Amino acid sequence: MIENNALGFASIDKSGKPHNIAVGFVKVVSNNELVISDNYLNETVENIKINPSVSLVVWSRDWEENCAGYELKGTVEYFTEGNWIDFIKKIPVNRNEPCKGAILVKLNKIKILS
């Protein structure tokens, strides 16, 4: 569900206010880790440098028939070089994207929303 849907991605700015965006270039890399490609996430990247706590939400595309969703909470690390950058550059949808960074999300809570 995570790799085939857009996810709502919330970070917190320096004044403590939430900032929400939709992300689509997300890969599951373990039971509790996701990698998000930073192609155009300027405000989000500034926020996670200040506060690494994030929240994501995803719902099934056929939510009217199959009302299944998840809230995911965790902390992030941001990479501009190394293995995670190499990883996101190999994702086919990133072929013509800038791949400025990789956001590794380490999940500490998964809540079912159905």
Protein backbone atom coordinates (compact mmCIF):
# COMPACT_ATOMS: atom_id res chain seq x y z
CA MET A 1 0.00 0.00 0.00
CA ILE A 2 2.83 2.42 0.83
CA GLU A 3 4.67 2.16 -2.47
CA ASN A 4 1.53 2.31 -4.62
CA ASN A 5 -0.19 5.35 -3.11
CA ALA A 6 0.61 8.95 -2.29
CA LEU A 7 1.25 9.46 1.41
CA GLY A 8 0.50 12.47 3.55
CA PHE A 9 3.79 13.51 5.17
CA ALA A 10 3.81 15.89 8.14
CA SER A 11 6.81 17.65 9.65
CA ILE A 12 6.99 20.40 12.27
CA ASP A 13 8.39 23.87 11.56
CA LYS A 14 10.53 25.98 13.91
CA SER A 15 7.46 27.62 15.46
CA GLY A 16 5.90 24.22 16.24
CA LYS A 17 3.32 24.31 13.45
CA PRO A 18 2.71 21.25 11.25
CA HIS A 19 3.57 21.26 7.56
CA ASN A 20 1.83 18.65 5.39
CA ILE A 21 2.68 17.52 1.89
CA ALA A 22 1.97 14.53 -0.32
CA VAL A 23 4.87 12.25 -1.24
CA GLY A 24 4.86 9.57 -3.87
CA PHE A 25 8.42 8.35 -4.24
CA VAL A 26 8.49 6.17 -1.11
CA LYS A 27 10.12 2.76 -0.77
CA VAL A 28 9.76 0.27 2.07
CA VAL A 29 13.27 -0.92 2.99
CA SER A 30 12.51 -2.96 6.14
CA ASN A 31 9.65 -3.71 8.55
CA ASN A 32 10.15 -0.34 10.23
CA GLU A 33 11.99 1.80 7.67
CA LEU A 34 10.95 3.83 4.63
CA VAL A 35 13.03 5.91 2.24
CA ILE A 36 11.55 9.04 0.72
CA SER A 37 13.20 10.78 -2.24
CA ASP A 38 13.84 14.49 -1.77
CA ASN A 39 13.31 15.96 -5.17
CA TYR A 40 11.39 19.13 -4.26
CA LEU A 41 10.88 18.98 -0.48
CA ASN A 42 12.56 22.26 0.50
CA GLU A 43 10.33 23.25 3.44
CA THR A 44 10.08 19.70 4.73
CA VAL A 45 13.86 19.28 4.69
CA GLU A 46 14.31 22.51 6.68
CA ASN A 47 11.76 21.25 9.20
CA ILE A 48 13.33 17.82 9.71
CA LYS A 49 16.70 19.44 10.31
CA ILE A 50 15.09 21.20 13.29
CA ASN A 51 12.80 18.40 14.46
CA PRO A 52 13.27 14.82 13.18
CA SER A 53 9.81 13.66 14.34
CA VAL A 54 7.40 13.01 11.46
CA SER A 55 4.03 11.46 10.77
CA LEU A 56 2.69 9.89 7.59
CA VAL A 57 -0.73 8.64 6.59
CA VAL A 58 -1.78 6.38 3.73
CA TRP A 59 -5.14 5.02 2.59
CA SER A 60 -5.92 2.36 0.01
CA ARG A 61 -6.83 3.70 -3.42
CA ASP A 62 -10.17 1.89 -3.26
CA TRP A 63 -10.98 3.32 0.16
CA GLU A 64 -14.72 3.48 -0.60
CA GLU A 65 -14.80 -0.31 -0.99
CA ASN A 66 -11.83 -1.28 1.17
CA CYS A 67 -11.52 1.30 3.94
CA ALA A 68 -7.97 0.57 5.04
CA GLY A 69 -5.38 3.09 6.11
CA TYR A 70 -2.40 3.56 8.37
CA GLU A 71 -0.87 6.32 10.44
CA LEU A 72 2.90 5.97 10.66
CA LYS A 73 5.03 7.88 13.16
CA GLY A 74 8.78 7.98 13.51
CA THR A 75 12.00 9.90 13.26
CA VAL A 76 14.10 10.70 10.23
CA GLU A 77 17.67 11.02 9.06
CA TYR A 78 18.56 13.05 5.97
CA PHE A 79 21.29 11.98 3.56
CA THR A 80 22.88 13.91 0.69
CA GLU A 81 25.52 11.29 -0.12
CA GLY A 82 26.22 7.62 0.42
CA ASN A 83 24.19 4.43 0.09
CA TRP A 84 20.72 5.99 0.47
CA ILE A 85 21.36 8.54 -2.28
CA ASP A 86 22.64 5.75 -4.52
CA PHE A 87 19.49 3.77 -3.65
CA ILE A 88 17.01 6.52 -4.58
CA LYS A 89 18.85 7.34 -7.80
CA LYS A 90 18.23 3.74 -8.93
CA ILE A 91 14.44 4.03 -8.49
CA PRO A 92 13.00 4.24 -12.03
CA VAL A 93 10.58 7.13 -11.27
CA ASN A 94 13.55 9.21 -10.11
CA ARG A 95 15.34 8.92 -13.48
CA ASN A 96 14.82 12.57 -14.49
CA GLU A 97 14.51 13.99 -10.98
CA PRO A 98 17.17 15.95 -9.04
CA CYS A 99 17.47 13.42 -6.16
CA LYS A 100 18.78 16.12 -3.80
CA GLY A 101 18.54 13.89 -0.74
CA ALA A 102 17.15 10.75 0.82
CA ILE A 103 14.96 10.79 3.92
CA LEU A 104 15.20 7.60 5.97
CA VAL A 105 12.14 7.23 8.20
CA LYS A 106 12.53 4.90 11.19
CA LEU A 107 9.01 4.03 12.30
CA ASN A 108 8.23 3.67 15.98
CA LYS A 109 4.43 3.49 15.76
CA ILE A 110 2.02 2.08 13.18
CA LYS A 111 -1.70 2.58 13.77
CA ILE A 112 -4.46 1.00 11.71
CA LEU A 113 -7.06 3.57 10.58
CA SER A 114 -10.04 1.53 9.46
